[in-house]
């Protein structure tokens, strides 16, 4: 399971305050803690913390790069911001994200190729998040076609079928799983499949339990990456255990310890 740590986000009060006060130590500690907990990459999102998204993103990247060289997921919805920030990010990087719209993909996929970056592409277009499985799969096919046209390696593509909060869209959880199963056979080799896991339990009670349960279900359906809280040790243990049960790792009695120390 490819884990993208979600905690460097200006929507969180501690990160918002750190950005506004230019307190790099807070950002560096969050980066180190997530990497030490097993994150394979770090999501970097200014959120509402600054009106200068470009400057704030580059400040975050600068501070993170002082303590770790793991891949950074540059998370911003504005094209002009992504276009200017991405080339200035040192090391391995991921664009988060593009919609499944041909015009938008014709900008974001070449940007990823030109910067040797990976791309997260969402099964969402101008009409919004699809309600059914077929529309999600259709959007995934559009994404795959555009990536093939522009020469993006499937190993650098992450398709996100979009999970909505279970307290407002309960049926969507199963639709996403069915979508994953069908998307896996659209391409050989297949791309990666990723979810913003915490979206599922937004404003719910028992958030960690909901996230843990769904992570195991989604892993079995083909999910191989997730944006989540790597400091939730029980959630990370589920990720390690599902890798074992899906045949991605070899059993030993100390498989949890081995997974935690990777």
Protein backbone atom coordinates (compact mmCIF):
# COMPACT_ATOMS: atom_id res chain seq x y z
CA UNK A 1 0.00 0.00 0.00
CA UNK A 2 1.37 3.36 -1.07
CA UNK A 3 0.63 5.75 1.80
CA UNK A 4 0.37 9.50 1.22
CA UNK A 5 0.41 11.42 4.49
CA UNK A 6 -2.38 13.99 4.69
CA UNK A 7 -1.37 16.15 7.66
CA UNK A 8 0.45 19.07 5.98
CA UNK A 9 -2.73 20.84 5.00
CA UNK A 10 -3.71 24.43 5.71
CA UNK A 11 -7.19 23.25 6.67
CA UNK A 12 -5.68 21.96 9.92
CA UNK A 13 -5.38 24.73 12.49
CA UNK A 14 -1.78 23.93 13.46
CA UNK A 15 -0.61 24.02 9.83
CA UNK A 16 -2.62 27.15 9.06
CA UNK A 17 -1.02 28.92 12.01
CA UNK A 18 2.46 27.69 11.03
CA UNK A 19 2.03 29.03 7.48
CA UNK A 20 0.78 32.39 8.69
CA UNK A 21 3.57 32.73 11.27
CA UNK A 22 6.23 31.16 9.01
CA UNK A 23 7.01 28.58 11.69
CA UNK A 24 8.98 26.02 9.71
CA UNK A 25 9.64 23.81 12.73
CA UNK A 26 5.98 22.76 12.90
CA UNK A 27 6.03 21.71 9.24
CA UNK A 28 9.33 19.88 9.58
CA UNK A 29 8.12 17.94 12.62
CA UNK A 30 4.95 16.91 10.79
CA UNK A 31 6.99 15.80 7.79
CA UNK A 32 9.38 13.73 9.91
CA UNK A 33 6.59 12.20 12.01
CA UNK A 34 4.63 11.06 8.96
CA UNK A 35 7.71 9.68 7.20
CA UNK A 36 8.76 7.82 10.35
CA UNK A 37 5.25 6.39 10.69
CA UNK A 38 5.48 4.80 7.23
CA UNK A 39 4.27 7.42 4.76
CA UNK A 40 5.66 6.88 1.26
CA UNK A 41 4.81 10.43 0.18
CA UNK A 42 3.47 13.63 1.73
CA UNK A 43 0.50 15.63 0.52
CA UNK A 44 1.22 19.38 0.57
CA UNK A 45 -1.85 21.63 0.62
CA UNK A 46 -2.03 25.31 1.59
CA UNK A 47 -5.80 25.24 2.04
CA UNK A 48 -7.22 28.56 3.28
CA UNK A 49 -4.07 29.52 5.18
CA UNK A 50 -2.69 32.03 2.69
CA UNK A 51 -3.83 34.24 -0.17
CA UNK A 52 -0.45 33.64 -1.82
CA UNK A 53 -0.85 29.96 -2.67
CA UNK A 54 2.29 29.85 -4.79
CA UNK A 55 4.52 31.41 -2.16
CA UNK A 56 3.01 29.34 0.65
CA UNK A 57 3.37 26.06 -1.26
CA UNK A 58 7.00 26.77 -2.07
CA UNK A 59 7.65 27.69 1.58
CA UNK A 60 6.10 24.37 2.68
CA UNK A 61 8.17 22.43 0.14
CA UNK A 62 11.36 24.21 1.21
CA UNK A 63 10.81 23.29 4.85
CA UNK A 64 9.83 19.69 4.14
CA UNK A 65 12.89 19.19 1.95
CA UNK A 66 15.11 20.20 4.89
CA UNK A 67 14.14 16.98 6.70
CA UNK A 68 13.06 14.39 4.10
CA UNK A 69 13.44 13.62 0.41
CA UNK A 70 10.34 11.40 0.02
CA UNK A 71 7.92 12.27 -2.82
CA UNK A 72 5.69 15.32 -2.40
CA UNK A 73 2.11 15.50 -3.63
CA UNK A 74 1.39 19.07 -4.65
CA UNK A 75 -2.28 19.52 -3.83
CA UNK A 76 -3.96 22.53 -5.44
CA UNK A 77 -6.95 22.90 -7.72
CA UNK A 78 -5.74 25.96 -9.66
CA UNK A 79 -3.90 25.47 -12.94
CA UNK A 80 -1.84 28.66 -12.71
CA UNK A 81 -0.62 27.65 -9.25
CA UNK A 82 0.29 24.11 -10.28
CA UNK A 83 1.99 25.28 -13.48
CA UNK A 84 4.28 27.63 -11.56
CA UNK A 85 4.95 25.53 -8.45
CA UNK A 86 5.56 22.06 -9.86
CA UNK A 87 8.79 22.82 -11.79
CA UNK A 88 10.28 24.33 -8.63
CA UNK A 89 9.68 21.24 -6.46
CA UNK A 90 12.92 19.27 -6.04
CA UNK A 91 12.85 15.49 -6.00
CA UNK A 92 10.02 13.13 -6.83
CA UNK A 93 6.60 14.78 -7.09
CA UNK A 94 2.94 14.07 -7.76
CA UNK A 95 0.27 16.41 -9.14
CA UNK A 96 -2.93 16.37 -7.08
CA UNK A 97 -5.03 16.62 -9.14
CA UNK A 98 -6.73 16.72 -12.54
CA UNK A 99 -10.38 16.15 -13.41
CA UNK A 100 -11.50 13.62 -16.03
CA UNK A 101 -12.17 16.39 -18.52
CA UNK A 102 -10.37 16.19 -21.86
CA UNK A 103 -9.49 19.89 -21.97
CA UNK A 104 -8.10 19.78 -18.42
CA UNK A 105 -6.25 16.52 -19.00
CA UNK A 106 -4.65 18.01 -22.13
CA UNK A 107 -2.96 20.52 -19.79
CA UNK A 108 -2.17 18.43 -16.73
CA UNK A 109 -0.86 15.26 -18.37
CA UNK A 110 1.80 17.09 -20.45
CA UNK A 111 2.77 19.07 -17.33
CA UNK A 112 3.35 15.78 -15.50
CA UNK A 113 5.35 14.34 -18.40
CA UNK A 114 7.48 17.48 -18.80
CA UNK A 115 8.37 17.47 -15.09
CA UNK A 116 8.79 13.69 -14.69
CA UNK A 117 5.93 13.81 -12.19
CA UNK A 118 3.13 11.42 -11.35
CA UNK A 119 -0.50 12.48 -11.68
CA UNK A 120 -3.60 11.90 -9.58
CA UNK A 121 -6.68 12.12 -11.81
CA UNK A 122 -10.17 12.21 -10.36
CA UNK A 123 -13.28 10.59 -11.82
CA UNK A 124 -15.08 13.91 -11.75
CA UNK A 125 -15.89 16.37 -14.53
CA UNK A 126 -17.85 19.59 -14.95
CA UNK A 127 -21.06 17.76 -14.01
CA UNK A 128 -19.65 16.73 -10.63
CA UNK A 129 -19.04 13.40 -8.88
CA UNK A 130 -20.81 10.53 -10.69
CA UNK A 131 -23.56 8.68 -8.84
CA UNK A 132 -23.07 5.30 -10.46
CA UNK A 133 -20.38 2.78 -11.29
CA UNK A 134 -20.63 3.02 -15.09
CA UNK A 135 -19.95 6.75 -15.19
CA UNK A 136 -16.91 6.38 -12.94
CA UNK A 137 -15.51 3.67 -15.19
CA UNK A 138 -16.23 5.78 -18.29
CA UNK A 139 -14.29 8.69 -16.78
CA UNK A 140 -11.41 6.38 -15.90
CA UNK A 141 -11.28 5.29 -19.56
CA UNK A 142 -11.09 8.96 -20.61
CA UNK A 143 -8.18 9.49 -18.22
CA UNK A 144 -6.35 6.43 -19.51
CA UNK A 145 -6.83 7.47 -23.14
CA UNK A 146 -5.44 10.96 -22.55
CA UNK A 147 -2.47 9.62 -20.60
CA UNK A 148 -1.67 7.23 -23.44
CA UNK A 149 -1.93 10.06 -26.00
CA UNK A 150 0.55 12.21 -24.09
CA UNK A 151 2.93 9.40 -23.13
CA UNK A 152 2.44 9.25 -19.37
CA UNK A 153 3.67 5.93 -18.01
CA UNK A 154 0.92 3.97 -16.27
CA UNK A 155 3.24 3.59 -13.28
CA UNK A 156 2.96 7.37 -12.83
CA UNK A 157 -0.85 7.54 -12.98
CA UNK A 158 -3.13 7.37 -9.94
CA UNK A 159 -6.88 7.24 -10.61
CA UNK A 160 -9.11 8.43 -7.77
CA UNK A 161 -12.72 7.20 -8.04
CA UNK A 162 -13.81 9.75 -5.38
CA UNK A 163 -15.21 8.61 -2.07
CA UNK A 164 -17.92 10.77 -0.47
CA UNK A 165 -18.81 10.96 3.25
CA UNK A 166 -20.78 7.91 4.31
CA UNK A 167 -23.16 10.01 6.41
CA UNK A 168 -24.47 11.81 3.32
CA UNK A 169 -23.87 9.31 0.49
CA UNK A 170 -23.97 5.83 2.00
CA UNK A 171 -24.39 3.92 -1.27
CA UNK A 172 -21.33 5.54 -2.80
CA UNK A 173 -18.98 3.45 -0.68
CA UNK A 174 -19.99 0.25 -2.45
CA UNK A 175 -20.13 1.99 -5.84
CA UNK A 176 -16.48 2.97 -5.45
CA UNK A 177 -15.51 -0.64 -4.68
CA UNK A 178 -17.37 -1.93 -7.73
CA UNK A 179 -15.73 0.79 -9.81
CA UNK A 180 -12.27 -0.24 -8.65
CA UNK A 181 -12.89 -3.84 -9.68
CA UNK A 182 -13.88 -2.77 -13.21
CA UNK A 183 -11.20 -0.10 -13.62
CA UNK A 184 -8.46 -2.64 -12.94
CA UNK A 185 -9.18 -4.40 -16.25
CA UNK A 186 -9.24 -1.27 -18.44
CA UNK A 187 -5.48 -1.21 -18.93
CA UNK A 188 -2.59 -3.66 -18.86
CA UNK A 189 -0.52 -2.69 -17.03
CA UNK A 190 -3.04 -1.01 -14.79
CA UNK A 191 -2.44 2.39 -13.21
CA UNK A 192 -2.48 2.94 -9.47
CA UNK A 193 -5.77 3.55 -7.66
CA UNK A 194 -5.95 6.03 -4.79
CA UNK A 195 -8.56 7.43 -2.41
CA UNK A 196 -8.66 10.35 -0.02
CA UNK A 197 -9.66 7.95 2.73
CA UNK A 198 -10.54 10.53 5.38
CA UNK A 199 -13.28 11.96 3.14
CA UNK A 200 -15.30 8.82 3.84
CA UNK A 201 -15.67 9.55 7.55
CA UNK A 202 -15.87 13.34 7.45
CA UNK A 203 -18.12 14.62 10.26
CA UNK A 204 -18.82 11.05 11.41
CA UNK A 205 -18.44 9.39 14.80
CA UNK A 206 -15.90 6.54 15.05
CA UNK A 207 -13.86 7.95 12.18
CA UNK A 208 -10.84 5.71 12.62
CA UNK A 209 -13.00 2.57 12.73
CA UNK A 210 -14.83 3.57 9.55
CA UNK A 211 -11.54 4.33 7.78
CA UNK A 212 -9.89 1.10 8.91
CA UNK A 213 -12.79 -1.07 7.81
CA UNK A 214 -13.13 0.56 4.43
CA UNK A 215 -9.39 0.51 3.77
CA UNK A 216 -9.39 -3.28 4.08
CA UNK A 217 -12.43 -3.57 1.79
CA UNK A 218 -10.95 -1.23 -0.81
CA UNK A 219 -7.56 -2.93 -0.76
CA UNK A 220 -9.23 -6.22 -1.65
CA UNK A 221 -11.07 -4.49 -4.52
CA UNK A 222 -7.85 -3.15 -6.04
CA UNK A 223 -6.92 0.01 -4.16
CA UNK A 224 -3.14 0.29 -3.85
CA UNK A 225 -2.70 3.85 -2.54
CA UNK A 226 -4.44 6.14 -0.08
CA UNK A 227 -4.18 9.66 1.28
CA UNK A 228 -4.59 9.16 5.02
CA UNK A 229 -3.30 9.91 8.50
CA UNK A 230 -0.16 7.79 8.95
CA UNK A 231 -0.04 8.71 12.64
CA UNK A 232 -3.16 6.56 13.17
CA UNK A 233 -1.22 3.44 14.14
CA UNK A 234 -4.26 1.13 14.02
CA UNK A 235 -5.05 2.32 10.49
CA UNK A 236 -1.46 1.73 9.41
CA UNK A 237 -1.59 -1.77 10.93
CA UNK A 238 -4.64 -2.49 8.78
CA UNK A 239 -2.71 -1.34 5.70
CA UNK A 240 0.15 -3.69 6.59
CA UNK A 241 -2.20 -6.60 7.29
CA UNK A 242 -4.21 -6.17 4.09
CA UNK A 243 -0.95 -6.20 2.12
CA UNK A 244 -0.22 -9.56 3.74
CA UNK A 245 -3.68 -11.00 3.06
CA UNK A 246 -3.66 -9.74 -0.53
CA UNK A 247 -0.42 -11.60 -1.15
CA UNK A 248 1.75 -8.48 -1.45
CA UNK A 249 4.03 -9.53 1.40
CA UNK A 250 5.16 -12.87 2.83
CA UNK A 251 3.90 -14.03 6.21
CA UNK A 252 6.07 -14.15 9.27
CA UNK A 253 4.96 -13.98 12.90
CA UNK A 254 6.46 -10.50 13.16
CA UNK A 255 4.80 -9.17 10.00
CA UNK A 256 3.49 -6.08 11.81
CA UNK A 257 6.92 -5.18 13.13
CA UNK A 258 8.41 -5.79 9.71
CA UNK A 259 5.81 -3.56 8.06
CA UNK A 260 6.26 -0.78 10.60
CA UNK A 261 10.04 -0.76 10.16
CA UNK A 262 10.02 -0.64 6.34
